[in-house]
């Protein structure tokens, strides 16, 4: 592995990561994002990908779950969150813990008026 972190996404959304020293790979669509991931997956431990690109690549990204690295993390783009990253986190926590602790916390907060 040559680096620890990279990001794949639209040019505007990934520029701040470049300033922080993260390897950046601009992708304009699902096809280019898939090709970039295939090319760089062996080189990075953590790869962020913007939610707009991650959602259509959901089945493709599942193959990375079988190995410890890279960890692929969907994040909001500069346009804001679509909620996809939260959905994946919730599913992963349910799988790991056997219970949906996030919905329980949300429901409790609603009951308390928070």
PDB file of N, CA and C in Angstrom:
ATOM      1  N   UNK A   1       0.831  -1.186   0.000  1.00  0.00           N
ATOM      2  CA  UNK A   1       0.000   0.000   0.000  1.00  0.00           C
ATOM      3  C   UNK A   1       0.870   1.241   0.000  1.00  0.00           C
ATOM      4  N   UNK A   2       0.577   2.123  -0.905  1.00  0.00           N
ATOM      5  CA  UNK A   2       1.400   3.314  -1.014  1.00  0.00           C
ATOM      6  C   UNK A   2       0.894   4.464  -0.162  1.00  0.00           C
ATOM      7  N   UNK A   3      -0.390   4.533   0.097  1.00  0.00           N
ATOM      8  CA  UNK A   3      -0.933   5.644   0.868  1.00  0.00           C
ATOM      9  C   UNK A   3      -1.994   5.174   1.826  1.00  0.00           C
ATOM     10  N   UNK A   4      -2.355   6.065   2.727  1.00  0.00           N
ATOM     11  CA  UNK A   4      -3.365   5.654   3.678  1.00  0.00           C
ATOM     12  C   UNK A   4      -4.765   6.085   3.271  1.00  0.00           C
ATOM     13  N   UNK A   5      -4.916   7.273   2.618  1.00  0.00           N
ATOM     14  CA  UNK A   5      -6.249   7.746   2.284  1.00  0.00           C
ATOM     15  C   UNK A   5      -6.316   8.357   0.890  1.00  0.00           C
ATOM     16  N   UNK A   6      -7.488   8.157   0.280  1.00  0.00           N
ATOM     17  CA  UNK A   6      -7.770   8.754  -1.024  1.00  0.00           C
ATOM     18  C   UNK A   6      -9.246   9.124  -1.057  1.00  0.00           C
ATOM     19  N   UNK A   7      -9.620   9.952  -2.018  1.00  0.00           N
ATOM     20  CA  UNK A   7     -11.021  10.298  -2.222  1.00  0.00           C
ATOM     21  C   UNK A   7     -11.339  10.303  -3.709  1.00  0.00           C
ATOM     22  N   UNK A   8     -12.534   9.798  -4.025  1.00  0.00           N
ATOM     23  CA  UNK A   8     -13.046   9.787  -5.391  1.00  0.00           C
ATOM     24  C   UNK A   8     -14.329  10.598  -5.386  1.00  0.00           C
ATOM     25  N   UNK A   9     -14.415  11.576  -6.275  1.00  0.00           N
ATOM     26  CA  UNK A   9     -15.628  12.389  -6.331  1.00  0.00           C
ATOM     27  C   UNK A   9     -15.497  13.502  -7.342  1.00  0.00           C
ATOM     28  N   UNK A  10     -16.533  14.335  -7.399  1.00  0.00           N
ATOM     29  CA  UNK A  10     -16.478  15.460  -8.336  1.00  0.00           C
ATOM     30  C   UNK A  10     -15.400  16.438  -7.885  1.00  0.00           C
ATOM     31  N   UNK A  11     -14.844  17.153  -8.828  1.00  0.00           N
ATOM     32  CA  UNK A  11     -13.701  18.027  -8.583  1.00  0.00           C
ATOM     33  C   UNK A  11     -13.883  19.018  -7.455  1.00  0.00           C
ATOM     34  N   UNK A  12     -15.034  19.669  -7.391  1.00  0.00           N
ATOM     35  CA  UNK A  12     -15.267  20.666  -6.346  1.00  0.00           C
ATOM     36  C   UNK A  12     -15.295  20.042  -4.953  1.00  0.00           C
ATOM     37  N   UNK A  13     -15.892  18.870  -4.845  1.00  0.00           N
ATOM     38  CA  UNK A  13     -16.052  18.232  -3.534  1.00  0.00           C
ATOM     39  C   UNK A  13     -14.755  17.686  -2.964  1.00  0.00           C
ATOM     40  N   UNK A  14     -13.808  17.359  -3.809  1.00  0.00           N
ATOM     41  CA  UNK A  14     -12.594  16.711  -3.316  1.00  0.00           C
ATOM     42  C   UNK A  14     -11.417  17.667  -3.115  1.00  0.00           C
ATOM     43  N   UNK A  15     -11.545  18.900  -3.547  1.00  0.00           N
ATOM     44  CA  UNK A  15     -10.416  19.835  -3.469  1.00  0.00           C
ATOM     45  C   UNK A  15      -9.944  20.092  -2.032  1.00  0.00           C
ATOM     46  N   UNK A  16     -10.863  20.186  -1.087  1.00  0.00           N
ATOM     47  CA  UNK A  16     -10.474  20.429   0.306  1.00  0.00           C
ATOM     48  C   UNK A  16      -9.632  19.266   0.848  1.00  0.00           C
ATOM     49  N   UNK A  17      -9.908  18.055   0.370  1.00  0.00           N
ATOM     50  CA  UNK A  17      -9.137  16.897   0.804  1.00  0.00           C
ATOM     51  C   UNK A  17      -7.711  16.971   0.260  1.00  0.00           C
ATOM     52  N   UNK A  18      -7.575  17.474  -0.939  1.00  0.00           N
ATOM     53  CA  UNK A  18      -6.238  17.622  -1.535  1.00  0.00           C
ATOM     54  C   UNK A  18      -5.392  18.555  -0.679  1.00  0.00           C
ATOM     55  N   UNK A  19      -6.006  19.623  -0.191  1.00  0.00           N
ATOM     56  CA  UNK A  19      -5.289  20.568   0.673  1.00  0.00           C
ATOM     57  C   UNK A  19      -4.840  19.910   1.972  1.00  0.00           C
ATOM     58  N   UNK A  20      -5.549  18.868   2.394  1.00  0.00           N
ATOM     59  CA  UNK A  20      -5.216  18.152   3.622  1.00  0.00           C
ATOM     60  C   UNK A  20      -4.250  16.990   3.372  1.00  0.00           C
ATOM     61  N   UNK A  21      -3.794  16.830   2.133  1.00  0.00           N
ATOM     62  CA  UNK A  21      -2.818  15.791   1.836  1.00  0.00           C
ATOM     63  C   UNK A  21      -3.394  14.450   1.439  1.00  0.00           C
ATOM     64  N   UNK A  22      -4.700  14.386   1.197  1.00  0.00           N
ATOM     65  CA  UNK A  22      -5.350  13.147   0.774  1.00  0.00           C
ATOM     66  C   UNK A  22      -5.228  13.049  -0.744  1.00  0.00           C
ATOM     67  N   UNK A  23      -4.925  11.866  -1.251  1.00  0.00           N
ATOM     68  CA  UNK A  23      -4.850  11.659  -2.693  1.00  0.00           C
ATOM     69  C   UNK A  23      -6.239  11.830  -3.291  1.00  0.00           C
ATOM     70  N   UNK A  24      -6.356  12.636  -4.330  1.00  0.00           N
ATOM     71  CA  UNK A  24      -7.662  12.924  -4.919  1.00  0.00           C
ATOM     72  C   UNK A  24      -7.761  12.355  -6.326  1.00  0.00           C
ATOM     73  N   UNK A  25      -8.940  11.805  -6.619  1.00  0.00           N
ATOM     74  CA  UNK A  25      -9.212  11.229  -7.926  1.00  0.00           C
ATOM     75  C   UNK A  25     -10.568  11.738  -8.407  1.00  0.00           C
ATOM     76  N   UNK A  26     -10.553  12.736  -9.291  1.00  0.00           N
ATOM     77  CA  UNK A  26     -11.817  13.272  -9.780  1.00  0.00           C
ATOM     78  C   UNK A  26     -12.542  12.272 -10.682  1.00  0.00           C
ATOM     79  N   UNK A  27     -13.837  12.148 -10.463  1.00  0.00           N
ATOM     80  CA  UNK A  27     -14.684  11.271 -11.278  1.00  0.00           C
ATOM     81  C   UNK A  27     -15.980  12.007 -11.570  1.00  0.00           C
ATOM     82  N   UNK A  28     -16.379  11.991 -12.810  1.00  0.00           N
ATOM     83  CA  UNK A  28     -17.583  12.725 -13.196  1.00  0.00           C
ATOM     84  C   UNK A  28     -18.833  11.855 -13.223  1.00  0.00           C
ATOM     85  N   UNK A  29     -18.641  10.535 -13.247  1.00  0.00           N
ATOM     86  CA  UNK A  29     -19.798   9.646 -13.319  1.00  0.00           C
ATOM     87  C   UNK A  29     -19.460   8.277 -12.717  1.00  0.00           C
ATOM     88  N   UNK A  30     -20.482   7.431 -12.671  1.00  0.00           N
ATOM     89  CA  UNK A  30     -20.347   6.094 -12.086  1.00  0.00           C
ATOM     90  C   UNK A  30     -19.265   5.269 -12.786  1.00  0.00           C
ATOM     91  N   UNK A  31     -19.227   5.315 -14.093  1.00  0.00           N
ATOM     92  CA  UNK A  31     -18.261   4.520 -14.856  1.00  0.00           C
ATOM     93  C   UNK A  31     -16.825   4.915 -14.520  1.00  0.00           C
ATOM     94  N   UNK A  32     -16.541   6.212 -14.506  1.00  0.00           N
ATOM     95  CA  UNK A  32     -15.172   6.642 -14.206  1.00  0.00           C
ATOM     96  C   UNK A  32     -14.805   6.341 -12.757  1.00  0.00           C
ATOM     97  N   UNK A  33     -15.772   6.458 -11.844  1.00  0.00           N
ATOM     98  CA  UNK A  33     -15.509   6.137 -10.436  1.00  0.00           C
ATOM     99  C   UNK A  33     -15.172   4.657 -10.271  1.00  0.00           C
ATOM    100  N   UNK A  34     -15.895   3.799 -10.958  1.00  0.00           N
ATOM    101  CA  UNK A  34     -15.631   2.351 -10.898  1.00  0.00           C
ATOM    102  C   UNK A  34     -14.223   2.038 -11.391  1.00  0.00           C
ATOM    103  N   UNK A  35     -13.819   2.633 -12.498  1.00  0.00           N
ATOM    104  CA  UNK A  35     -12.487   2.398 -13.050  1.00  0.00           C
ATOM    105  C   UNK A  35     -11.394   2.901 -12.108  1.00  0.00           C
ATOM    106  N   UNK A  36     -11.616   4.062 -11.512  1.00  0.00           N
ATOM    107  CA  UNK A  36     -10.636   4.600 -10.561  1.00  0.00           C
ATOM    108  C   UNK A  36     -10.501   3.662  -9.366  1.00  0.00           C
ATOM    109  N   UNK A  37     -11.619   3.207  -8.826  1.00  0.00           N
ATOM    110  CA  UNK A  37     -11.573   2.305  -7.673  1.00  0.00           C
ATOM    111  C   UNK A  37     -10.840   1.017  -8.012  1.00  0.00           C
ATOM    112  N   UNK A  38     -11.105   0.462  -9.166  1.00  0.00           N
ATOM    113  CA  UNK A  38     -10.393  -0.758  -9.579  1.00  0.00           C
ATOM    114  C   UNK A  38      -8.888  -0.516  -9.631  1.00  0.00           C
ATOM    115  N   UNK A  39      -8.511   0.648 -10.117  1.00  0.00           N
ATOM    116  CA  UNK A  39      -7.095   0.970 -10.312  1.00  0.00           C
ATOM    117  C   UNK A  39      -6.359   1.254  -9.001  1.00  0.00           C
ATOM    118  N   UNK A  40      -7.024   1.902  -8.029  1.00  0.00           N
ATOM    119  CA  UNK A  40      -6.312   2.362  -6.837  1.00  0.00           C
ATOM    120  C   UNK A  40      -6.622   1.576  -5.559  1.00  0.00           C
ATOM    121  N   UNK A  41      -7.541   0.636  -5.610  1.00  0.00           N
ATOM    122  CA  UNK A  41      -7.974  -0.071  -4.398  1.00  0.00           C
ATOM    123  C   UNK A  41      -6.823  -0.723  -3.632  1.00  0.00           C
ATOM    124  N   UNK A  42      -5.848  -1.251  -4.327  1.00  0.00           N
ATOM    125  CA  UNK A  42      -4.736  -1.931  -3.658  1.00  0.00           C
ATOM    126  C   UNK A  42      -3.734  -0.950  -3.051  1.00  0.00           C
ATOM    127  N   UNK A  43      -3.871   0.326  -3.379  1.00  0.00           N
ATOM    128  CA  UNK A  43      -2.873   1.304  -2.945  1.00  0.00           C
ATOM    129  C   UNK A  43      -3.252   2.101  -1.704  1.00  0.00           C
ATOM    130  N   UNK A  44      -4.502   2.016  -1.255  1.00  0.00           N
ATOM    131  CA  UNK A  44      -4.967   2.852  -0.144  1.00  0.00           C
ATOM    132  C   UNK A  44      -5.737   2.041   0.890  1.00  0.00           C
ATOM    133  N   UNK A  45      -5.601   2.428   2.145  1.00  0.00           N
ATOM    134  CA  UNK A  45      -6.316   1.759   3.228  1.00  0.00           C
ATOM    135  C   UNK A  45      -7.744   2.277   3.358  1.00  0.00           C
ATOM    136  N   UNK A  46      -7.922   3.570   3.167  1.00  0.00           N
ATOM    137  CA  UNK A  46      -9.236   4.192   3.283  1.00  0.00           C
ATOM    138  C   UNK A  46      -9.495   4.989   2.012  1.00  0.00           C
ATOM    139  N   UNK A  47     -10.652   4.744   1.399  1.00  0.00           N
ATOM    140  CA  UNK A  47     -11.036   5.497   0.212  1.00  0.00           C
ATOM    141  C   UNK A  47     -12.414   6.095   0.463  1.00  0.00           C
ATOM    142  N   UNK A  48     -12.455   7.407   0.478  1.00  0.00           N
ATOM    143  CA  UNK A  48     -13.730   8.107   0.562  1.00  0.00           C
ATOM    144  C   UNK A  48     -14.296   8.223  -0.848  1.00  0.00           C
ATOM    145  N   UNK A  49     -15.620   8.164  -0.952  1.00  0.00           N
ATOM    146  CA  UNK A  49     -16.275   8.355  -2.244  1.00  0.00           C
ATOM    147  C   UNK A  49     -17.542   9.152  -1.992  1.00  0.00           C
ATOM    148  N   UNK A  50     -17.801  10.130  -2.836  1.00  0.00           N
ATOM    149  CA  UNK A  50     -18.989  10.948  -2.614  1.00  0.00           C
ATOM    150  C   UNK A  50     -20.245  10.099  -2.797  1.00  0.00           C
ATOM    151  N   UNK A  51     -21.263  10.436  -2.019  1.00  0.00           N
ATOM    152  CA  UNK A  51     -22.506   9.653  -2.003  1.00  0.00           C
ATOM    153  C   UNK A  51     -23.145   9.526  -3.382  1.00  0.00           C
ATOM    154  N   UNK A  52     -23.099  10.586  -4.185  1.00  0.00           N
ATOM    155  CA  UNK A  52     -23.712  10.528  -5.520  1.00  0.00           C
ATOM    156  C   UNK A  52     -23.080   9.446  -6.387  1.00  0.00           C
ATOM    157  N   UNK A  53     -21.796   9.204  -6.201  1.00  0.00           N
ATOM    158  CA  UNK A  53     -21.120   8.149  -6.960  1.00  0.00           C
ATOM    159  C   UNK A  53     -21.246   6.791  -6.275  1.00  0.00           C
ATOM    160  N   UNK A  54     -21.302   6.783  -4.961  1.00  0.00           N
ATOM    161  CA  UNK A  54     -21.355   5.523  -4.218  1.00  0.00           C
ATOM    162  C   UNK A  54     -22.686   4.794  -4.396  1.00  0.00           C
ATOM    163  N   UNK A  55     -23.794   5.532  -4.385  1.00  0.00           N
ATOM    164  CA  UNK A  55     -25.116   4.887  -4.467  1.00  0.00           C
ATOM    165  C   UNK A  55     -25.246   3.984  -5.691  1.00  0.00           C
ATOM    166  N   UNK A  56     -24.968   4.465  -6.912  1.00  0.00           N
ATOM    167  CA  UNK A  56     -25.120   3.568  -8.063  1.00  0.00           C
ATOM    168  C   UNK A  56     -24.077   2.445  -8.102  1.00  0.00           C
ATOM    169  N   UNK A  57     -23.023   2.571  -7.319  1.00  0.00           N
ATOM    170  CA  UNK A  57     -21.990   1.542  -7.273  1.00  0.00           C
ATOM    171  C   UNK A  57     -22.160   0.580  -6.096  1.00  0.00           C
ATOM    172  N   UNK A  58     -23.312   0.600  -5.461  1.00  0.00           N
ATOM    173  CA  UNK A  58     -23.544  -0.184  -4.249  1.00  0.00           C
ATOM    174  C   UNK A  58     -23.134  -1.643  -4.348  1.00  0.00           C
ATOM    175  N   UNK A  59     -23.576  -2.337  -5.383  1.00  0.00           N
ATOM    176  CA  UNK A  59     -23.233  -3.762  -5.542  1.00  0.00           C
ATOM    177  C   UNK A  59     -21.738  -3.938  -5.795  1.00  0.00           C
ATOM    178  N   UNK A  60     -21.153  -3.076  -6.587  1.00  0.00           N
ATOM    179  CA  UNK A  60     -19.719  -3.128  -6.856  1.00  0.00           C
ATOM    180  C   UNK A  60     -18.919  -2.915  -5.575  1.00  0.00           C
ATOM    181  N   UNK A  61     -19.350  -1.975  -4.740  1.00  0.00           N
ATOM    182  CA  UNK A  61     -18.621  -1.660  -3.507  1.00  0.00           C
ATOM    183  C   UNK A  61     -18.686  -2.787  -2.485  1.00  0.00           C
ATOM    184  N   UNK A  62     -19.712  -3.633  -2.558  1.00  0.00           N
ATOM    185  CA  UNK A  62     -19.840  -4.744  -1.606  1.00  0.00           C
ATOM    186  C   UNK A  62     -18.665  -5.707  -1.683  1.00  0.00           C
ATOM    187  N   UNK A  63     -18.031  -5.796  -2.834  1.00  0.00           N
ATOM    188  CA  UNK A  63     -16.891  -6.724  -2.958  1.00  0.00           C
ATOM    189  C   UNK A  63     -15.733  -6.331  -2.045  1.00  0.00           C
ATOM    190  N   UNK A  64     -15.654  -5.055  -1.691  1.00  0.00           N
ATOM    191  CA  UNK A  64     -14.588  -4.591  -0.813  1.00  0.00           C
ATOM    192  C   UNK A  64     -14.838  -4.969   0.646  1.00  0.00           C
ATOM    193  N   UNK A  65     -16.063  -5.375   0.975  1.00  0.00           N
ATOM    194  CA  UNK A  65     -16.381  -5.799   2.340  1.00  0.00           C
ATOM    195  C   UNK A  65     -15.680  -7.099   2.711  1.00  0.00           C
ATOM    196  N   UNK A  66     -15.234  -7.846   1.727  1.00  0.00           N
ATOM    197  CA  UNK A  66     -14.618  -9.149   1.965  1.00  0.00           C
ATOM    198  C   UNK A  66     -13.161  -9.045   2.418  1.00  0.00           C
ATOM    199  N   UNK A  67     -12.562  -7.882   2.288  1.00  0.00           N
ATOM    200  CA  UNK A  67     -11.166  -7.682   2.672  1.00  0.00           C
ATOM    201  C   UNK A  67     -11.073  -6.581   3.718  1.00  0.00           C
ATOM    202  N   UNK A  68     -10.041  -6.646   4.560  1.00  0.00           N
ATOM    203  CA  UNK A  68      -9.905  -5.584   5.562  1.00  0.00           C
ATOM    204  C   UNK A  68      -9.595  -4.225   4.937  1.00  0.00           C
ATOM    205  N   UNK A  69      -8.895  -4.223   3.803  1.00  0.00           N
ATOM    206  CA  UNK A  69      -8.558  -2.966   3.126  1.00  0.00           C
ATOM    207  C   UNK A  69      -8.802  -3.105   1.642  1.00  0.00           C
ATOM    208  N   UNK A  70      -9.216  -2.057   0.999  1.00  0.00           N
ATOM    209  CA  UNK A  70      -9.496  -0.735   1.537  1.00  0.00           C
ATOM    210  C   UNK A  70     -10.880  -0.669   2.166  1.00  0.00           C
ATOM    211  N   UNK A  71     -11.029   0.255   3.076  1.00  0.00           N
ATOM    212  CA  UNK A  71     -12.336   0.575   3.626  1.00  0.00           C
ATOM    213  C   UNK A  71     -12.890   1.684   2.739  1.00  0.00           C
ATOM    214  N   UNK A  72     -14.069   1.464   2.178  1.00  0.00           N
ATOM    215  CA  UNK A  72     -14.696   2.447   1.291  1.00  0.00           C
ATOM    216  C   UNK A  72     -15.785   3.161   2.085  1.00  0.00           C
ATOM    217  N   UNK A  73     -15.659   4.479   2.209  1.00  0.00           N
ATOM    218  CA  UNK A  73     -16.593   5.260   3.012  1.00  0.00           C
ATOM    219  C   UNK A  73     -17.297   6.320   2.182  1.00  0.00           C
ATOM    220  N   UNK A  74     -18.615   6.180   1.990  1.00  0.00           N
ATOM    221  CA  UNK A  74     -19.353   7.231   1.295  1.00  0.00           C
ATOM    222  C   UNK A  74     -19.480   8.470   2.179  1.00  0.00           C
ATOM    223  N   UNK A  75     -19.255   9.619   1.589  1.00  0.00           N
ATOM    224  CA  UNK A  75     -19.369  10.882   2.318  1.00  0.00           C
ATOM    225  C   UNK A  75     -20.188  11.861   1.493  1.00  0.00           C
ATOM    226  N   UNK A  76     -20.781  12.860   2.146  1.00  0.00           N
ATOM    227  CA  UNK A  76     -21.517  13.870   1.382  1.00  0.00           C
ATOM    228  C   UNK A  76     -20.574  14.643   0.458  1.00  0.00           C
ATOM    229  N   UNK A  77     -21.126  15.088  -0.647  1.00  0.00           N
ATOM    230  CA  UNK A  77     -20.354  15.934  -1.556  1.00  0.00           C
ATOM    231  C   UNK A  77     -20.565  17.386  -1.165  1.00  0.00           C
ATOM    232  N   UNK A  78     -20.025  18.284  -1.952  1.00  0.00           N
ATOM    233  CA  UNK A  78     -20.225  19.704  -1.713  1.00  0.00           C
ATOM    234  C   UNK A  78     -21.688  20.109  -1.851  1.00  0.00           C
ATOM    235  N   UNK A  79     -22.488  19.268  -2.494  1.00  0.00           N
ATOM    236  CA  UNK A  79     -23.918  19.543  -2.681  1.00  0.00           C
ATOM    237  C   UNK A  79     -24.738  19.173  -1.444  1.00  0.00           C
ATOM    238  N   UNK A  80     -24.128  18.479  -0.493  1.00  0.00           N
ATOM    239  CA  UNK A  80     -24.830  18.045   0.711  1.00  0.00           C
ATOM    240  C   UNK A  80     -25.036  16.546   0.727  1.00  0.00           C
ATOM    241  N   UNK A  81     -25.635  16.071   1.789  1.00  0.00           N
ATOM    242  CA  UNK A  81     -25.831  14.639   1.988  1.00  0.00           C
ATOM    243  C   UNK A  81     -27.108  14.150   1.318  1.00  0.00           C
ATOM    244  N   UNK A  82     -27.018  12.953   0.749  1.00  0.00           N
ATOM    245  CA  UNK A  82     -28.208  12.284   0.222  1.00  0.00           C
ATOM    246  C   UNK A  82     -28.758  11.297   1.243  1.00  0.00           C
ATOM    247  N   UNK A  83     -28.012  11.074   2.324  1.00  0.00           N
ATOM    248  CA  UNK A  83     -28.414  10.112   3.346  1.00  0.00           C
ATOM    249  C   UNK A  83     -27.873   8.715   3.102  1.00  0.00           C
ATOM    250  N   UNK A  84     -27.221   8.504   1.976  1.00  0.00           N
ATOM    251  CA  UNK A  84     -26.731   7.170   1.637  1.00  0.00           C
ATOM    252  C   UNK A  84     -25.658   6.680   2.609  1.00  0.00           C
ATOM    253  N   UNK A  85     -24.739   7.547   2.987  1.00  0.00           N
ATOM    254  CA  UNK A  85     -23.693   7.164   3.943  1.00  0.00           C
ATOM    255  C   UNK A  85     -24.288   6.760   5.278  1.00  0.00           C
ATOM    256  N   UNK A  86     -25.298   7.477   5.732  1.00  0.00           N
ATOM    257  CA  UNK A  86     -25.981   7.129   6.981  1.00  0.00           C
ATOM    258  C   UNK A  86     -26.663   5.768   6.883  1.00  0.00           C
ATOM    259  N   UNK A  87     -27.283   5.498   5.731  1.00  0.00           N
ATOM    260  CA  UNK A  87     -27.946   4.203   5.517  1.00  0.00           C
ATOM    261  C   UNK A  87     -26.943   3.063   5.639  1.00  0.00           C
ATOM    262  N   UNK A  88     -25.783   3.223   5.004  1.00  0.00           N
ATOM    263  CA  UNK A  88     -24.767   2.171   5.047  1.00  0.00           C
ATOM    264  C   UNK A  88     -24.216   1.979   6.447  1.00  0.00           C
ATOM    265  N   UNK A  89     -24.006   3.076   7.166  1.00  0.00           N
ATOM    266  CA  UNK A  89     -23.510   2.988   8.540  1.00  0.00           C
ATOM    267  C   UNK A  89     -24.516   2.248   9.412  1.00  0.00           C
ATOM    268  N   UNK A  90     -25.771   2.569   9.267  1.00  0.00           N
ATOM    269  CA  UNK A  90     -26.824   1.920  10.047  1.00  0.00           C
ATOM    270  C   UNK A  90     -26.855   0.416   9.755  1.00  0.00           C
ATOM    271  N   UNK A  91     -26.776   0.056   8.481  1.00  0.00           N
ATOM    272  CA  UNK A  91     -26.783  -1.358   8.097  1.00  0.00           C
ATOM    273  C   UNK A  91     -25.568  -2.085   8.658  1.00  0.00           C
ATOM    274  N   UNK A  92     -24.401  -1.460   8.578  1.00  0.00           N
ATOM    275  CA  UNK A  92     -23.175  -2.088   9.093  1.00  0.00           C
ATOM    276  C   UNK A  92     -23.259  -2.283  10.600  1.00  0.00           C
ATOM    277  N   UNK A  93     -23.803  -1.309  11.305  1.00  0.00           N
ATOM    278  CA  UNK A  93     -23.923  -1.430  12.759  1.00  0.00           C
ATOM    279  C   UNK A  93     -24.920  -2.528  13.130  1.00  0.00           C
ATOM    280  N   UNK A  94     -26.010  -2.623  12.393  1.00  0.00           N
ATOM    281  CA  UNK A  94     -26.982  -3.693  12.646  1.00  0.00           C
ATOM    282  C   UNK A  94     -26.335  -5.053  12.437  1.00  0.00           C
ATOM    283  N   UNK A  95     -25.562  -5.176  11.358  1.00  0.00           N
ATOM    284  CA  UNK A  95     -24.904  -6.446  11.059  1.00  0.00           C
ATOM    285  C   UNK A  95     -23.892  -6.796  12.143  1.00  0.00           C
ATOM    286  N   UNK A  96     -23.134  -5.811  12.608  1.00  0.00           N
ATOM    287  CA  UNK A  96     -22.090  -6.062  13.596  1.00  0.00           C
ATOM    288  C   UNK A  96     -22.655  -6.308  14.994  1.00  0.00           C
ATOM    289  N   UNK A  97     -23.689  -5.550  15.367  1.00  0.00           N
ATOM    290  CA  UNK A  97     -24.211  -5.615  16.729  1.00  0.00           C
ATOM    291  C   UNK A  97     -25.460  -6.476  16.873  1.00  0.00           C
ATOM    292  N   UNK A  98     -26.123  -6.736  15.754  1.00  0.00           N
ATOM    293  CA  UNK A  98     -27.339  -7.542  15.798  1.00  0.00           C
ATOM    294  C   UNK A  98     -28.571  -6.757  16.240  1.00  0.00           C
ATOM    295  N   UNK A  99     -28.441  -5.448  16.358  1.00  0.00           N
ATOM    296  CA  UNK A  99     -29.565  -4.620  16.784  1.00  0.00           C
ATOM    297  C   UNK A  99     -29.421  -3.235  16.154  1.00  0.00           C
ATOM    298  N   UNK A 100     -30.543  -2.604  15.896  1.00  0.00           N
ATOM    299  CA  UNK A 100     -30.539  -1.274  15.294  1.00  0.00           C
ATOM    300  C   UNK A 100     -30.521  -0.223  16.394  1.00  0.00           C
ATOM    301  N   UNK A 101     -29.336   0.179  16.825  1.00  0.00           N
ATOM    302  CA  UNK A 101     -29.238   1.149  17.925  1.00  0.00           C
ATOM    303  C   UNK A 101     -29.470   2.579  17.458  1.00  0.00           C
ATOM    304  N   UNK A 102     -29.286   2.843  16.193  1.00  0.00           N
ATOM    305  CA  UNK A 102     -29.471   4.202  15.696  1.00  0.00           C
ATOM    306  C   UNK A 102     -30.939   4.590  15.642  1.00  0.00           C
ATOM    307  N   UNK A 103     -31.796   3.712  15.154  1.00  0.00           N
ATOM    308  CA  UNK A 103     -33.226   4.026  15.101  1.00  0.00           C
ATOM    309  C   UNK A 103     -33.795   4.156  16.496  1.00  0.00           C
ATOM    310  N   UNK A 104     -33.332   3.332  17.400  1.00  0.00           N
ATOM    311  CA  UNK A 104     -33.809   3.406  18.780  1.00  0.00           C
ATOM    312  C   UNK A 104     -33.478   4.766  19.376  1.00  0.00           C
ATOM    313  N   UNK A 105     -32.266   5.238  19.138  1.00  0.00           N
ATOM    314  CA  UNK A 105     -31.854   6.550  19.639  1.00  0.00           C
ATOM    315  C   UNK A 105     -32.671   7.660  19.002  1.00  0.00           C
ATOM    316  N   UNK A 106     -32.947   7.543  17.707  1.00  0.00           N
ATOM    317  CA  UNK A 106     -33.740   8.543  17.002  1.00  0.00           C
ATOM    318  C   UNK A 106     -35.166   8.570  17.539  1.00  0.00           C
ATOM    319  N   UNK A 107     -35.734   7.381  17.750  1.00  0.00           N
ATOM    320  CA  UNK A 107     -37.103   7.293  18.253  1.00  0.00           C
ATOM    321  C   UNK A 107     -37.207   7.863  19.669  1.00  0.00           C
ATOM    322  N   UNK A 108     -36.214   7.579  20.491  1.00  0.00           N
ATOM    323  CA  UNK A 108     -36.210   8.080  21.868  1.00  0.00           C
ATOM    324  C   UNK A 108     -36.103   9.609  21.875  1.00  0.00           C
ATOM    325  N   UNK A 109     -35.277  10.157  20.999  1.00  0.00           N
ATOM    326  CA  UNK A 109     -35.125  11.607  20.920  1.00  0.00           C
ATOM    327  C   UNK A 109     -36.419  12.260  20.484  1.00  0.00           C
ATOM    328  N   UNK A 110     -37.136  11.622  19.557  1.00  0.00           N
ATOM    329  CA  UNK A 110     -38.417  12.163  19.112  1.00  0.00           C
ATOM    330  C   UNK A 110     -39.431  12.167  20.245  1.00  0.00           C
ATOM    331  N   UNK A 111     -39.436  11.098  21.039  1.00  0.00           N
ATOM    332  CA  UNK A 111     -40.371  11.004  22.162  1.00  0.00           C
ATOM    333  C   UNK A 111     -40.092  12.076  23.203  1.00  0.00           C
ATOM    334  N   UNK A 112     -38.800  12.416  23.370  1.00  0.00           N
ATOM    335  CA  UNK A 112     -38.419  13.403  24.360  1.00  0.00           C
ATOM    336  C   UNK A 112     -38.516  14.820  23.812  1.00  0.00           C
ATOM    337  N   UNK A 113     -38.866  14.966  22.532  1.00  0.00           N
ATOM    338  CA  UNK A 113     -39.001  16.283  21.938  1.00  0.00           C
ATOM    339  C   UNK A 113     -37.710  16.900  21.482  1.00  0.00           C
ATOM    340  N   UNK A 114     -36.647  16.108  21.308  1.00  0.00           N
ATOM    341  CA  UNK A 114     -35.351  16.622  20.850  1.00  0.00           C
ATOM    342  C   UNK A 114     -35.243  16.568  19.370  1.00  0.00           C
TER     343      UNK A 114
END
